[in-house]
Amino acid sequence: FFYGILAVIFIVSYFIIKDFFIEGITAIVLAFLIKPITDKLSKKMSRPLAALISVLGLLLLVTISLIYIAKSLLGEVSHLINSSAPRELINLISNLPGSDLIVNNIDPIKRALGEYLLSTLPSLAFLVPSILFSLFIIFFLMYFILVDWYNLKVRIINAIPFKNKLIIL
């Protein structure tokens, strides 16, 4: 009976945790990467405040990087649209055998592509809250991993069943 209840608890726990597994692994890796910064800051201030500053600094760095990438990507797309590349592509395609079908139907192809992009836009809009929630989970977990790093390390060492477990960590 006890093992049955334990199995049910593990199965239910799995179904709760499985959706956040990637976020948890990402949080652990990012926490490991910014741990040296948190350690240096924690010498001058409390560990929770140092962890908060480290996580907010990483969040700021990620936000600035994403804004820069988006701005560069939009600039490249507008440059591509305004350049002669689409005309050169049509000329290149027109030299291929059987290209009459494509060249003669460019307007319907552009219309179908535009309709497809417009139809996928709502699904992309629904992805934004999911991505923001995942990012919130990652940074939230990172904070608590950084605050409780040494206690987590001791718990992991105690859970490892090997003789030379200190070599692993």
N, C-alpha and C. Protein backbone atom coordinates (compact mmCIF):
# COMPACT_ATOMS: atom_id res chain seq x y z
N PHE A 1 0.83 -1.20 0.00
CA PHE A 1 0.00 0.00 0.00
C PHE A 1 0.88 1.26 0.00
N PHE A 2 1.90 1.24 0.87
CA PHE A 2 2.81 2.39 0.96
C PHE A 2 3.50 2.65 -0.38
N TYR A 3 4.01 1.59 -1.02
CA TYR A 3 4.70 1.74 -2.29
C TYR A 3 3.75 2.17 -3.40
N GLY A 4 2.52 1.77 -3.33
CA GLY A 4 1.52 2.21 -4.29
C GLY A 4 1.26 3.70 -4.19
N ILE A 5 1.10 4.18 -2.96
CA ILE A 5 0.89 5.62 -2.75
C ILE A 5 2.13 6.40 -3.17
N LEU A 6 3.31 5.87 -2.86
CA LEU A 6 4.55 6.51 -3.25
C LEU A 6 4.67 6.59 -4.78
N ALA A 7 4.28 5.52 -5.46
CA ALA A 7 4.30 5.52 -6.93
C ALA A 7 3.33 6.55 -7.49
N VAL A 8 2.14 6.66 -6.91
CA VAL A 8 1.16 7.65 -7.36
C VAL A 8 1.69 9.06 -7.15
N ILE A 9 2.34 9.30 -6.01
CA ILE A 9 2.92 10.62 -5.74
C ILE A 9 4.01 10.95 -6.76
N PHE A 10 4.86 9.96 -7.09
CA PHE A 10 5.90 10.20 -8.09
C PHE A 10 5.31 10.48 -9.47
N ILE A 11 4.26 9.75 -9.83
CA ILE A 11 3.64 9.95 -11.14
C ILE A 11 2.99 11.33 -11.21
N VAL A 12 2.27 11.71 -10.18
CA VAL A 12 1.63 13.03 -10.16
C VAL A 12 2.71 14.13 -10.16
N SER A 13 3.76 13.94 -9.40
CA SER A 13 4.87 14.91 -9.37
C SER A 13 5.50 15.05 -10.75
N TYR A 14 5.66 13.92 -11.43
CA TYR A 14 6.23 13.96 -12.77
C TYR A 14 5.37 14.81 -13.70
N PHE A 15 4.05 14.61 -13.68
CA PHE A 15 3.18 15.35 -14.57
C PHE A 15 3.12 16.84 -14.22
N ILE A 16 3.38 17.18 -12.97
CA ILE A 16 3.43 18.59 -12.58
C ILE A 16 4.74 19.22 -13.03
N ILE A 17 5.83 18.49 -12.86
CA ILE A 17 7.17 19.04 -13.11
C ILE A 17 7.58 18.97 -14.57
N LYS A 18 7.07 18.04 -15.35
CA LYS A 18 7.55 17.81 -16.71
C LYS A 18 7.44 19.04 -17.61
N ASP A 19 6.44 19.88 -17.38
CA ASP A 19 6.29 21.07 -18.20
C ASP A 19 7.35 22.13 -17.90
N PHE A 20 7.97 22.04 -16.75
CA PHE A 20 8.97 23.03 -16.36
C PHE A 20 10.37 22.45 -16.29
N PHE A 21 10.58 21.29 -16.89
CA PHE A 21 11.88 20.63 -16.82
C PHE A 21 12.95 21.44 -17.56
N ILE A 22 12.65 21.90 -18.77
CA ILE A 22 13.61 22.67 -19.56
C ILE A 22 13.94 23.99 -18.85
N GLU A 23 12.92 24.64 -18.29
CA GLU A 23 13.16 25.88 -17.57
C GLU A 23 14.05 25.64 -16.35
N GLY A 24 13.83 24.51 -15.66
CA GLY A 24 14.65 24.19 -14.50
C GLY A 24 16.10 23.95 -14.87
N ILE A 25 16.34 23.19 -15.92
CA ILE A 25 17.71 22.94 -16.38
C ILE A 25 18.35 24.24 -16.83
N THR A 26 17.62 25.07 -17.55
CA THR A 26 18.15 26.36 -17.99
C THR A 26 18.50 27.24 -16.80
N ALA A 27 17.64 27.25 -15.79
CA ALA A 27 17.91 28.05 -14.59
C ALA A 27 19.16 27.55 -13.87
N ILE A 28 19.34 26.25 -13.79
CA ILE A 28 20.53 25.70 -13.13
C ILE A 28 21.79 26.09 -13.88
N VAL A 29 21.77 25.97 -15.20
CA VAL A 29 22.95 26.31 -16.00
C VAL A 29 23.27 27.80 -15.90
N LEU A 30 22.24 28.65 -16.03
CA LEU A 30 22.48 30.09 -15.93
C LEU A 30 22.92 30.49 -14.52
N ALA A 31 22.36 29.85 -13.50
CA ALA A 31 22.79 30.14 -12.13
C ALA A 31 24.24 29.75 -11.94
N PHE A 32 24.64 28.63 -12.52
CA PHE A 32 26.03 28.20 -12.43
C PHE A 32 26.95 29.21 -13.12
N LEU A 33 26.50 29.77 -14.24
CA LEU A 33 27.32 30.72 -14.99
C LEU A 33 27.47 32.07 -14.27
N ILE A 34 26.42 32.52 -13.58
CA ILE A 34 26.53 33.83 -12.91
C ILE A 34 26.84 33.70 -11.43
N LYS A 35 27.10 32.48 -10.96
CA LYS A 35 27.45 32.27 -9.55
C LYS A 35 28.69 33.04 -9.13
N PRO A 36 29.76 33.10 -9.96
CA PRO A 36 30.92 33.89 -9.53
C PRO A 36 30.61 35.36 -9.27
N ILE A 37 29.72 35.92 -10.06
CA ILE A 37 29.33 37.32 -9.84
C ILE A 37 28.58 37.45 -8.53
N THR A 38 27.68 36.50 -8.28
CA THR A 38 26.92 36.51 -7.03
C THR A 38 27.85 36.33 -5.83
N ASP A 39 28.84 35.46 -5.96
CA ASP A 39 29.79 35.24 -4.87
C ASP A 39 30.57 36.51 -4.55
N LYS A 40 31.03 37.22 -5.59
CA LYS A 40 31.76 38.47 -5.36
C LYS A 40 30.88 39.53 -4.72
N LEU A 41 29.64 39.63 -5.21
CA LEU A 41 28.73 40.62 -4.64
C LEU A 41 28.33 40.26 -3.21
N SER A 42 28.24 38.97 -2.91
CA SER A 42 27.80 38.57 -1.57
C SER A 42 28.85 38.85 -0.50
N LYS A 43 30.08 39.15 -0.89
CA LYS A 43 31.10 39.55 0.08
C LYS A 43 30.84 40.96 0.59
N LYS A 44 30.13 41.76 -0.20
CA LYS A 44 29.87 43.16 0.16
C LYS A 44 28.44 43.39 0.64
N MET A 45 27.55 42.42 0.39
CA MET A 45 26.14 42.58 0.77
C MET A 45 25.56 41.21 1.08
N SER A 46 24.31 41.18 1.44
CA SER A 46 23.67 39.89 1.78
C SER A 46 23.52 39.03 0.53
N ARG A 47 23.49 37.73 0.76
CA ARG A 47 23.39 36.78 -0.36
C ARG A 47 22.11 36.97 -1.18
N PRO A 48 20.94 37.15 -0.56
CA PRO A 48 19.72 37.38 -1.37
C PRO A 48 19.80 38.63 -2.25
N LEU A 49 20.37 39.70 -1.70
CA LEU A 49 20.49 40.92 -2.49
C LEU A 49 21.49 40.74 -3.63
N ALA A 50 22.60 40.04 -3.36
CA ALA A 50 23.58 39.77 -4.41
C ALA A 50 22.98 38.91 -5.51
N ALA A 51 22.19 37.92 -5.14
CA ALA A 51 21.53 37.06 -6.13
C ALA A 51 20.53 37.87 -6.95
N LEU A 52 19.78 38.74 -6.29
CA LEU A 52 18.81 39.57 -7.01
C LEU A 52 19.51 40.49 -8.01
N ILE A 53 20.59 41.11 -7.60
CA ILE A 53 21.33 41.99 -8.50
C ILE A 53 21.90 41.20 -9.68
N SER A 54 22.42 40.01 -9.42
CA SER A 54 22.97 39.17 -10.49
C SER A 54 21.89 38.76 -11.49
N VAL A 55 20.75 38.34 -10.98
CA VAL A 55 19.66 37.91 -11.86
C VAL A 55 19.11 39.09 -12.65
N LEU A 56 18.95 40.24 -12.02
CA LEU A 56 18.45 41.42 -12.73
C LEU A 56 19.47 41.89 -13.77
N GLY A 57 20.76 41.78 -13.45
CA GLY A 57 21.79 42.13 -14.42
C GLY A 57 21.74 41.22 -15.64
N LEU A 58 21.57 39.93 -15.42
CA LEU A 58 21.45 39.00 -16.54
C LEU A 58 20.18 39.27 -17.34
N LEU A 59 19.08 39.58 -16.65
CA LEU A 59 17.84 39.91 -17.33
C LEU A 59 18.01 41.15 -18.20
N LEU A 60 18.70 42.15 -17.69
CA LEU A 60 18.97 43.37 -18.45
C LEU A 60 19.83 43.05 -19.67
N LEU A 61 20.86 42.22 -19.48
CA LEU A 61 21.74 41.84 -20.58
C LEU A 61 20.97 41.09 -21.67
N VAL A 62 20.11 40.17 -21.27
CA VAL A 62 19.30 39.41 -22.23
C VAL A 62 18.33 40.33 -22.96
N THR A 63 17.70 41.24 -22.24
CA THR A 63 16.75 42.17 -22.85
C THR A 63 17.44 43.08 -23.87
N ILE A 64 18.58 43.63 -23.51
CA ILE A 64 19.32 44.50 -24.43
C ILE A 64 19.76 43.72 -25.66
N SER A 65 20.22 42.49 -25.45
CA SER A 65 20.65 41.65 -26.58
C SER A 65 19.49 41.36 -27.52
N LEU A 66 18.33 41.00 -26.97
CA LEU A 66 17.17 40.71 -27.80
C LEU A 66 16.69 41.94 -28.57
N ILE A 67 16.73 43.09 -27.94
CA ILE A 67 16.33 44.32 -28.63
C ILE A 67 17.29 44.62 -29.77
N TYR A 68 18.60 44.45 -29.52
CA TYR A 68 19.59 44.69 -30.57
C TYR A 68 19.42 43.72 -31.73
N ILE A 69 19.19 42.44 -31.41
CA ILE A 69 19.01 41.44 -32.46
C ILE A 69 17.75 41.73 -33.27
N ALA A 70 16.65 42.08 -32.59
CA ALA A 70 15.40 42.39 -33.30
C ALA A 70 15.57 43.61 -34.19
N LYS A 71 16.26 44.63 -33.68
CA LYS A 71 16.48 45.85 -34.47
C LYS A 71 17.34 45.53 -35.70
N SER A 72 18.39 44.74 -35.51
CA SER A 72 19.25 44.37 -36.64
C SER A 72 18.51 43.52 -37.66
N LEU A 73 17.70 42.60 -37.17
CA LEU A 73 16.94 41.73 -38.06
C LEU A 73 15.93 42.53 -38.88
N LEU A 74 15.23 43.46 -38.24
CA LEU A 74 14.28 44.30 -38.97
C LEU A 74 14.99 45.16 -40.00
N GLY A 75 16.17 45.68 -39.66
CA GLY A 75 16.95 46.47 -40.61
C GLY A 75 17.38 45.64 -41.81
N GLU A 76 17.81 44.40 -41.56
CA GLU A 76 18.22 43.53 -42.66
C GLU A 76 17.03 43.16 -43.55
N VAL A 77 15.89 42.89 -42.96
CA VAL A 77 14.71 42.54 -43.75
C VAL A 77 14.28 43.72 -44.62
N SER A 78 14.27 44.92 -44.04
CA SER A 78 13.88 46.09 -44.84
C SER A 78 14.91 46.37 -45.93
N HIS A 79 16.19 46.12 -45.63
CA HIS A 79 17.22 46.28 -46.66
C HIS A 79 17.03 45.27 -47.79
N LEU A 80 16.67 44.02 -47.42
CA LEU A 80 16.45 42.99 -48.42
C LEU A 80 15.26 43.32 -49.30
N ILE A 81 14.20 43.83 -48.69
CA ILE A 81 13.00 44.17 -49.46
C ILE A 81 13.28 45.33 -50.40
N ASN A 82 14.04 46.31 -49.95
CA ASN A 82 14.32 47.49 -50.77
C ASN A 82 15.43 47.27 -51.78
N SER A 83 16.19 46.21 -51.66
CA SER A 83 17.29 45.97 -52.59
C SER A 83 16.77 45.27 -53.84
N SER A 84 17.70 44.96 -54.73
CA SER A 84 17.32 44.31 -55.98
C SER A 84 17.35 42.79 -55.86
N ALA A 85 17.53 42.24 -54.66
CA ALA A 85 17.61 40.79 -54.48
C ALA A 85 16.36 40.06 -54.94
N PRO A 86 15.13 40.55 -54.64
CA PRO A 86 13.95 39.81 -55.14
C PRO A 86 13.91 39.73 -56.67
N ARG A 87 14.28 40.83 -57.34
CA ARG A 87 14.29 40.80 -58.80
C ARG A 87 15.36 39.85 -59.33
N GLU A 88 16.53 39.84 -58.68
CA GLU A 88 17.59 38.92 -59.09
C GLU A 88 17.17 37.47 -58.87
N LEU A 89 16.44 37.22 -57.79
CA LEU A 89 15.95 35.87 -57.52
C LEU A 89 14.96 35.44 -58.61
N ILE A 90 14.09 36.33 -59.01
CA ILE A 90 13.12 36.01 -60.08
C ILE A 90 13.86 35.75 -61.39
N ASN A 91 14.88 36.55 -61.68
CA ASN A 91 15.67 36.32 -62.90
C ASN A 91 16.39 34.98 -62.84
N LEU A 92 16.90 34.62 -61.68
CA LEU A 92 17.59 33.34 -61.51
C LEU A 92 16.62 32.17 -61.68
N ILE A 93 15.43 32.32 -61.09
CA ILE A 93 14.42 31.26 -61.21
C ILE A 93 13.93 31.15 -62.66
N SER A 94 13.84 32.27 -63.36
CA SER A 94 13.31 32.23 -64.73
C SER A 94 14.25 31.49 -65.67
N ASN A 95 15.51 31.34 -65.30
CA ASN A 95 16.45 30.59 -66.15
C ASN A 95 16.36 29.09 -65.95
N LEU A 96 15.66 28.64 -64.92
CA LEU A 96 15.53 27.21 -64.64
C LEU A 96 14.44 26.60 -65.53
N PRO A 97 14.59 25.31 -65.86
CA PRO A 97 13.52 24.68 -66.67
C PRO A 97 12.23 24.53 -65.85
N GLY A 98 11.12 24.79 -66.47
CA GLY A 98 9.82 24.67 -65.81
C GLY A 98 9.52 25.85 -64.90
N SER A 99 10.25 26.94 -65.05
CA SER A 99 10.07 28.09 -64.17
C SER A 99 8.89 28.97 -64.60
N ASP A 100 8.33 28.71 -65.77
CA ASP A 100 7.20 29.52 -66.25
C ASP A 100 6.04 29.49 -65.27
N LEU A 101 5.85 28.33 -64.64
CA LEU A 101 4.76 28.19 -63.68
C LEU A 101 4.95 29.13 -62.49
N ILE A 102 6.16 29.24 -62.01
CA ILE A 102 6.43 30.11 -60.85
C ILE A 102 6.41 31.57 -61.26
N VAL A 103 7.10 31.91 -62.34
CA VAL A 103 7.20 33.32 -62.76
C VAL A 103 5.83 33.87 -63.13
N ASN A 104 4.99 33.08 -63.79
CA ASN A 104 3.68 33.56 -64.21
C ASN A 104 2.69 33.66 -63.05
N ASN A 105 2.99 32.99 -61.93
CA ASN A 105 2.07 32.99 -60.78
C ASN A 105 2.67 33.68 -59.56
N ILE A 106 3.48 34.67 -59.76
CA ILE A 106 4.13 35.34 -58.63
C ILE A 106 3.10 36.05 -57.75
N ASP A 107 2.15 36.74 -58.35
CA ASP A 107 1.15 37.44 -57.53
C ASP A 107 0.32 36.49 -56.68
N PRO A 108 -0.19 35.37 -57.20
CA PRO A 108 -0.90 34.43 -56.32
C PRO A 108 0.00 33.81 -55.24
N ILE A 109 1.26 33.60 -55.60
CA ILE A 109 2.20 33.05 -54.60
C ILE A 109 2.41 34.06 -53.48
N LYS A 110 2.61 35.35 -53.85
CA LYS A 110 2.79 36.39 -52.82
C LYS A 110 1.54 36.51 -51.96
N ARG A 111 0.36 36.44 -52.59
CA ARG A 111 -0.90 36.54 -51.85
C ARG A 111 -1.05 35.36 -50.88
N ALA A 112 -0.75 34.15 -51.36
CA ALA A 112 -0.86 32.95 -50.50
C ALA A 112 0.14 33.02 -49.36
N LEU A 113 1.34 33.50 -49.63
CA LEU A 113 2.35 33.64 -48.58
C LEU A 113 1.91 34.68 -47.55
N GLY A 114 1.36 35.79 -48.03
CA GLY A 114 0.86 36.81 -47.11
C GLY A 114 -0.28 36.30 -46.25
N GLU A 115 -1.21 35.55 -46.86
CA GLU A 115 -2.32 34.97 -46.10
C GLU A 115 -1.82 33.97 -45.06
N TYR A 116 -0.80 33.19 -45.43
CA TYR A 116 -0.24 32.22 -44.48
C TYR A 116 0.40 32.95 -43.30
N LEU A 117 1.16 34.00 -43.60
CA LEU A 117 1.80 34.75 -42.52
C LEU A 117 0.76 35.41 -41.61
N LEU A 118 -0.30 35.94 -42.20
CA LEU A 118 -1.36 36.54 -41.39
C LEU A 118 -2.11 35.50 -40.56
N SER A 119 -2.23 34.28 -41.09
CA SER A 119 -2.92 33.24 -40.32
C SER A 119 -2.07 32.72 -39.18
N THR A 120 -0.75 32.79 -39.32
CA THR A 120 0.13 32.32 -38.22
C THR A 120 0.36 33.40 -37.17
N LEU A 121 0.03 34.63 -37.47
CA LEU A 121 0.26 35.72 -36.52
C LEU A 121 -0.49 35.54 -35.20
N PRO A 122 -1.78 35.14 -35.21
CA PRO A 122 -2.44 34.92 -33.91
C PRO A 122 -1.79 33.82 -33.07
N SER A 123 -1.32 32.75 -33.72
CA SER A 123 -0.67 31.70 -32.94
C SER A 123 0.64 32.20 -32.35
N LEU A 124 1.34 33.06 -33.08
CA LEU A 124 2.56 33.66 -32.52
C LEU A 124 2.23 34.59 -31.36
N ALA A 125 1.09 35.28 -31.46
CA ALA A 125 0.68 36.17 -30.37
C ALA A 125 0.36 35.37 -29.11
N PHE A 126 -0.16 34.15 -29.29
CA PHE A 126 -0.44 33.31 -28.12
C PHE A 126 0.84 32.73 -27.52
N LEU A 127 1.91 32.68 -28.29
CA LEU A 127 3.18 32.17 -27.78
C LEU A 127 3.87 33.17 -26.86
N VAL A 128 3.63 34.45 -27.04
CA VAL A 128 4.33 35.47 -26.27
C VAL A 128 4.08 35.31 -24.76
N PRO A 129 2.85 35.15 -24.29
CA PRO A 129 2.67 34.95 -22.84
C PRO A 129 3.35 33.69 -22.34
N SER A 130 3.33 32.64 -23.14
CA SER A 130 3.99 31.40 -22.74
C SER A 130 5.49 31.60 -22.60
N ILE A 131 6.09 32.30 -23.53
CA ILE A 131 7.52 32.57 -23.47
C ILE A 131 7.84 33.46 -22.28
N LEU A 132 7.03 34.47 -22.06
CA LEU A 132 7.27 35.35 -20.91
C LEU A 132 7.13 34.60 -19.59
N PHE A 133 6.16 33.68 -19.50
CA PHE A 133 6.00 32.88 -18.30
C PHE A 133 7.19 31.96 -18.09
N SER A 134 7.68 31.36 -19.18
CA SER A 134 8.87 30.51 -19.07
C SER A 134 10.08 31.30 -18.61
N LEU A 135 10.25 32.51 -19.14
CA LEU A 135 11.36 33.36 -18.71
C LEU A 135 11.22 33.74 -17.24
N PHE A 136 9.99 34.01 -16.80
CA PHE A 136 9.76 34.31 -15.39
C PHE A 136 10.15 33.13 -14.52
N ILE A 137 9.76 31.92 -14.92
CA ILE A 137 10.11 30.71 -14.16
C ILE A 137 11.63 30.56 -14.10
N ILE A 138 12.30 30.77 -15.23
CA ILE A 138 13.76 30.62 -15.27
C ILE A 138 14.43 31.59 -14.31
N PHE A 139 14.08 32.86 -14.37
CA PHE A 139 14.74 33.85 -13.52
C PHE A 139 14.34 33.68 -12.05
N PHE A 140 13.11 33.26 -11.81
CA PHE A 140 12.66 32.99 -10.45
C PHE A 140 13.46 31.84 -9.84
N LEU A 141 13.59 30.74 -10.59
CA LEU A 141 14.38 29.60 -10.11
C LEU A 141 15.85 29.96 -9.94
N MET A 142 16.37 30.75 -10.87
CA MET A 142 17.77 31.17 -10.77
C MET A 142 18.03 31.90 -9.47
N TYR A 143 17.13 32.78 -9.12
CA TYR A 143 17.30 33.55 -7.89
C TYR A 143 17.39 32.62 -6.68
N PHE A 144 16.45 31.69 -6.57
CA PHE A 144 16.44 30.82 -5.40
C PHE A 144 17.58 29.80 -5.42
N ILE A 145 18.02 29.41 -6.61
CA ILE A 145 19.19 28.53 -6.69
C ILE A 145 20.42 29.28 -6.22
N LEU A 146 20.57 30.53 -6.63
CA LEU A 146 21.74 31.31 -6.22
C LEU A 146 21.72 31.62 -4.73
N VAL A 147 20.55 31.90 -4.18
CA VAL A 147 20.45 32.20 -2.75
C VAL A 147 20.80 30.97 -1.92
N ASP A 148 20.33 29.82 -2.34
CA ASP A 148 20.49 28.60 -1.54
C ASP A 148 21.51 27.64 -2.16
N TRP A 149 22.50 28.16 -2.85
CA TRP A 149 23.47 27.35 -3.59
C TRP A 149 24.17 26.31 -2.71
N TYR A 150 24.67 26.76 -1.59
CA TYR A 150 25.49 25.87 -0.76
C TYR A 150 24.65 24.79 -0.07
N ASN A 151 23.44 25.11 0.34
CA ASN A 151 22.55 24.09 0.90
C ASN A 151 22.15 23.06 -0.16
N LEU A 152 21.90 23.52 -1.38
CA LEU A 152 21.57 22.59 -2.46
C LEU A 152 22.77 21.68 -2.77
N LYS A 153 23.96 22.26 -2.73
CA LYS A 153 25.17 21.48 -3.01
C LYS A 153 25.34 20.38 -1.96
N VAL A 154 25.12 20.70 -0.68
CA VAL A 154 25.24 19.70 0.39
C VAL A 154 24.19 18.61 0.21
N ARG A 155 22.98 18.99 -0.14
CA ARG A 155 21.92 18.00 -0.34
C ARG A 155 22.23 17.07 -1.51
N ILE A 156 22.78 17.62 -2.58
CA ILE A 156 23.12 16.79 -3.73
C ILE A 156 24.27 15.84 -3.37
N ILE A 157 25.27 16.35 -2.65
CA ILE A 157 26.40 15.50 -2.24
C ILE A 157 25.89 14.36 -1.34
N ASN A 158 25.00 14.66 -0.43
CA ASN A 158 24.47 13.62 0.45
C ASN A 158 23.61 12.60 -0.29
N ALA A 159 23.01 13.00 -1.40
CA ALA A 159 22.13 12.09 -2.15
C ALA A 159 22.91 11.18 -3.10
N ILE A 160 24.15 11.54 -3.42
CA ILE A 160 24.95 10.74 -4.36
C ILE A 160 25.43 9.48 -3.63
N PRO A 161 25.20 8.30 -4.22
CA PRO A 161 25.52 7.06 -3.52
C PRO A 161 26.95 6.53 -3.73
N PHE A 162 27.87 7.36 -4.18
CA PHE A 162 29.24 6.90 -4.44
C PHE A 162 30.16 7.23 -3.28
N LYS A 163 31.28 6.49 -3.20
CA LYS A 163 32.27 6.75 -2.13
C LYS A 163 32.97 8.08 -2.36
N ASN A 164 33.41 8.32 -3.58
CA ASN A 164 34.16 9.53 -3.90
C ASN A 164 33.23 10.61 -4.46
N LYS A 165 32.16 10.89 -3.79
CA LYS A 165 31.15 11.82 -4.30
C LYS A 165 31.62 13.25 -4.31
N LEU A 166 32.62 13.61 -3.52
CA LEU A 166 33.11 14.98 -3.52
C LEU A 166 33.86 15.31 -4.80
N ILE A 167 34.38 14.29 -5.50
CA ILE A 167 35.08 14.52 -6.77
C ILE A 167 34.09 14.99 -7.83
N ILE A 168 32.86 14.50 -7.78
CA ILE A 168 31.85 14.82 -8.77
C ILE A 168 31.53 16.31 -8.75
N LEU A 169 31.34 16.85 -7.56
CA LEU A 169 31.02 18.26 -7.45
C LEU A 169 32.25 19.01 -7.08
